[in-house]
Structures are given as structure tokens and as C-alpha cells.
Amino acid sequence: MKMCIACGMPMTSIGDYPRLDISKNYCKHCAREDGSMQSFDERWENLTCFMIREHKMDRIVARETAYTVLKKLPAWKPKR
């Protein structure tokens, strides 16, 4: 089982991959419409919004939490 390098999500089925492309090492949630991987800033904003929506977090707390999560992932090592 692969893990998304950009958000850590387990990719357990072909539907988890962008455009059903199992050669990608990032998930459909971390991809742009054209299938390319989102930038760090795009992923950071999207994860922040997800945390606000799904976990009812304050925006400042969600943004800090999202940054802490993302900076530990392989895709963002150069951003550290």
C-alpha cells in the first residue's frame, strides 16, 4: 500500500490516485485538475480548509496544525 507523499493518506484503491494513474505517488486530493501535484501553498490552504470544515477548528489553529502535519511528509522536505 502506498502513502501519499503530500498528505500521508493511504492509497488503497485505484480511485485514490489522480486521474486513476497508479504511477503517481500522491493522492487525488493533492492533485490539480490536470493531474499534477499541488504546490505546498495550495496543499497547505486546502488542508487548512479541510480541518476547519471537518474538525470545526479555528482558522489559526487549523493553519498551524496543517503546517505541522505537512512539513513531516516527504513531498515537502525541501520546504523545511
C-alpha atoms as a PDB file:
ATOM      1  CA  MET A   1       0.000   0.000   0.000  1.00  0.00           C
ATOM      2  CA  LYS A   2       1.300   3.412  -0.966  1.00  0.00           C
ATOM      3  CA  MET A   3       1.002   6.509   1.178  1.00  0.00           C
ATOM      4  CA  CYS A   4       0.561   9.930  -0.408  1.00  0.00           C
ATOM      5  CA  ILE A   5       3.837  11.839  -0.179  1.00  0.00           C
ATOM      6  CA  ALA A   6       1.975  15.144   0.063  1.00  0.00           C
ATOM      7  CA  CYS A   7      -0.676  14.453   2.741  1.00  0.00           C
ATOM      8  CA  GLY A   8       0.016  10.971   4.138  1.00  0.00           C
ATOM      9  CA  MET A   9      -3.297   9.439   3.027  1.00  0.00           C
ATOM     10  CA  PRO A  10      -3.181   5.679   2.435  1.00  0.00           C
ATOM     11  CA  MET A  11      -3.869   4.939  -1.236  1.00  0.00           C
ATOM     12  CA  THR A  12      -5.619   1.585  -1.156  1.00  0.00           C
ATOM     13  CA  SER A  13      -7.603   1.622  -4.401  1.00  0.00           C
ATOM     14  CA  ILE A  14      -7.163   2.962  -7.906  1.00  0.00           C
ATOM     15  CA  GLY A  15      -9.783   5.610  -7.110  1.00  0.00           C
ATOM     16  CA  ASP A  16      -7.387   7.191  -4.614  1.00  0.00           C
ATOM     17  CA  TYR A  17      -4.941   8.157  -7.392  1.00  0.00           C
ATOM     18  CA  PRO A  18      -5.155  11.313  -9.500  1.00  0.00           C
ATOM     19  CA  ARG A  19      -6.817  10.506 -12.824  1.00  0.00           C
ATOM     20  CA  LEU A  20      -6.581   6.805 -11.801  1.00  0.00           C
ATOM     21  CA  ASP A  21      -2.838   6.920 -12.511  1.00  0.00           C
ATOM     22  CA  ILE A  22      -1.209   4.444 -10.122  1.00  0.00           C
ATOM     23  CA  SER A  23       2.255   5.614 -11.160  1.00  0.00           C
ATOM     24  CA  LYS A  24       1.716   8.803  -9.127  1.00  0.00           C
ATOM     25  CA  ASN A  25       2.985   8.896  -5.553  1.00  0.00           C
ATOM     26  CA  TYR A  26       0.393  11.444  -4.410  1.00  0.00           C
ATOM     27  CA  CYS A  27      -3.377  11.102  -3.989  1.00  0.00           C
ATOM     28  CA  LYS A  28      -6.312  12.631  -5.833  1.00  0.00           C
ATOM     29  CA  HIS A  29      -6.776  15.192  -3.050  1.00  0.00           C
ATOM     30  CA  CYS A  30      -3.262  16.546  -3.604  1.00  0.00           C
ATOM     31  CA  ALA A  31      -3.627  16.811  -7.380  1.00  0.00           C
ATOM     32  CA  ARG A  32      -4.752  19.655  -9.560  1.00  0.00           C
ATOM     33  CA  GLU A  33      -7.415  19.038 -12.216  1.00  0.00           C
ATOM     34  CA  ASP A  34      -4.720  18.265 -14.794  1.00  0.00           C
ATOM     35  CA  GLY A  35      -3.278  15.543 -12.513  1.00  0.00           C
ATOM     36  CA  SER A  36      -0.148  17.454 -11.469  1.00  0.00           C
ATOM     37  CA  MET A  37       0.668  17.748  -7.787  1.00  0.00           C
ATOM     38  CA  GLN A  38      -0.426  20.868  -5.936  1.00  0.00           C
ATOM     39  CA  SER A  39       2.215  23.238  -4.599  1.00  0.00           C
ATOM     40  CA  PHE A  40       2.972  23.364  -0.893  1.00  0.00           C
ATOM     41  CA  ASP A  41       0.921  26.552  -0.541  1.00  0.00           C
ATOM     42  CA  GLU A  42      -2.079  25.027  -2.335  1.00  0.00           C
ATOM     43  CA  ARG A  43      -1.917  21.879  -0.204  1.00  0.00           C
ATOM     44  CA  TRP A  44      -1.477  23.940   2.984  1.00  0.00           C
ATOM     45  CA  GLU A  45      -4.558  26.042   2.224  1.00  0.00           C
ATOM     46  CA  ASN A  46      -6.655  23.025   1.213  1.00  0.00           C
ATOM     47  CA  LEU A  47      -5.681  21.055   4.329  1.00  0.00           C
ATOM     48  CA  THR A  48      -6.405  24.114   6.484  1.00  0.00           C
ATOM     49  CA  CYS A  49      -9.891  24.391   4.970  1.00  0.00           C
ATOM     50  CA  PHE A  50     -10.464  20.655   5.440  1.00  0.00           C
ATOM     51  CA  MET A  51      -9.552  20.899   9.126  1.00  0.00           C
ATOM     52  CA  ILE A  52     -11.847  23.884   9.622  1.00  0.00           C
ATOM     53  CA  ARG A  53     -14.735  22.144   7.866  1.00  0.00           C
ATOM     54  CA  GLU A  54     -14.347  18.602   9.181  1.00  0.00           C
ATOM     55  CA  HIS A  55     -12.921  19.221  12.652  1.00  0.00           C
ATOM     56  CA  LYS A  56     -14.529  22.606  13.374  1.00  0.00           C
ATOM     57  CA  MET A  57     -11.116  24.128  14.106  1.00  0.00           C
ATOM     58  CA  ASP A  58     -10.336  27.813  14.414  1.00  0.00           C
ATOM     59  CA  ARG A  59      -8.555  29.048  11.257  1.00  0.00           C
ATOM     60  CA  ILE A  60      -5.331  29.980  13.065  1.00  0.00           C
ATOM     61  CA  VAL A  61      -5.142  26.619  14.849  1.00  0.00           C
ATOM     62  CA  ALA A  62      -6.040  24.740  11.661  1.00  0.00           C
ATOM     63  CA  ARG A  63      -3.342  26.562   9.680  1.00  0.00           C
ATOM     64  CA  GLU A  64      -0.664  25.825  12.281  1.00  0.00           C
ATOM     65  CA  THR A  65      -1.766  22.198  12.571  1.00  0.00           C
ATOM     66  CA  ALA A  66      -1.787  21.735   8.791  1.00  0.00           C
ATOM     67  CA  TYR A  67       1.731  23.168   8.551  1.00  0.00           C
ATOM     68  CA  THR A  68       2.985  20.831  11.285  1.00  0.00           C
ATOM     69  CA  VAL A  69       1.472  17.813   9.512  1.00  0.00           C
ATOM     70  CA  LEU A  70       2.711  18.760   6.047  1.00  0.00           C
ATOM     71  CA  LYS A  71       6.290  19.588   6.982  1.00  0.00           C
ATOM     72  CA  LYS A  72       6.782  15.985   8.137  1.00  0.00           C
ATOM     73  CA  LEU A  73       5.879  14.497   4.739  1.00  0.00           C
ATOM     74  CA  PRO A  74       8.344  13.502   2.000  1.00  0.00           C
ATOM     75  CA  ALA A  75       6.994  15.893  -0.645  1.00  0.00           C
ATOM     76  CA  TRP A  76       7.769  18.921   1.471  1.00  0.00           C
ATOM     77  CA  LYS A  77      11.251  18.130   2.798  1.00  0.00           C
ATOM     78  CA  PRO A  78      12.760  20.974   0.751  1.00  0.00           C
ATOM     79  CA  LYS A  79      10.270  23.371   2.431  1.00  0.00           C
ATOM     80  CA  ARG A  80      11.584  22.689   5.953  1.00  0.00           C
END
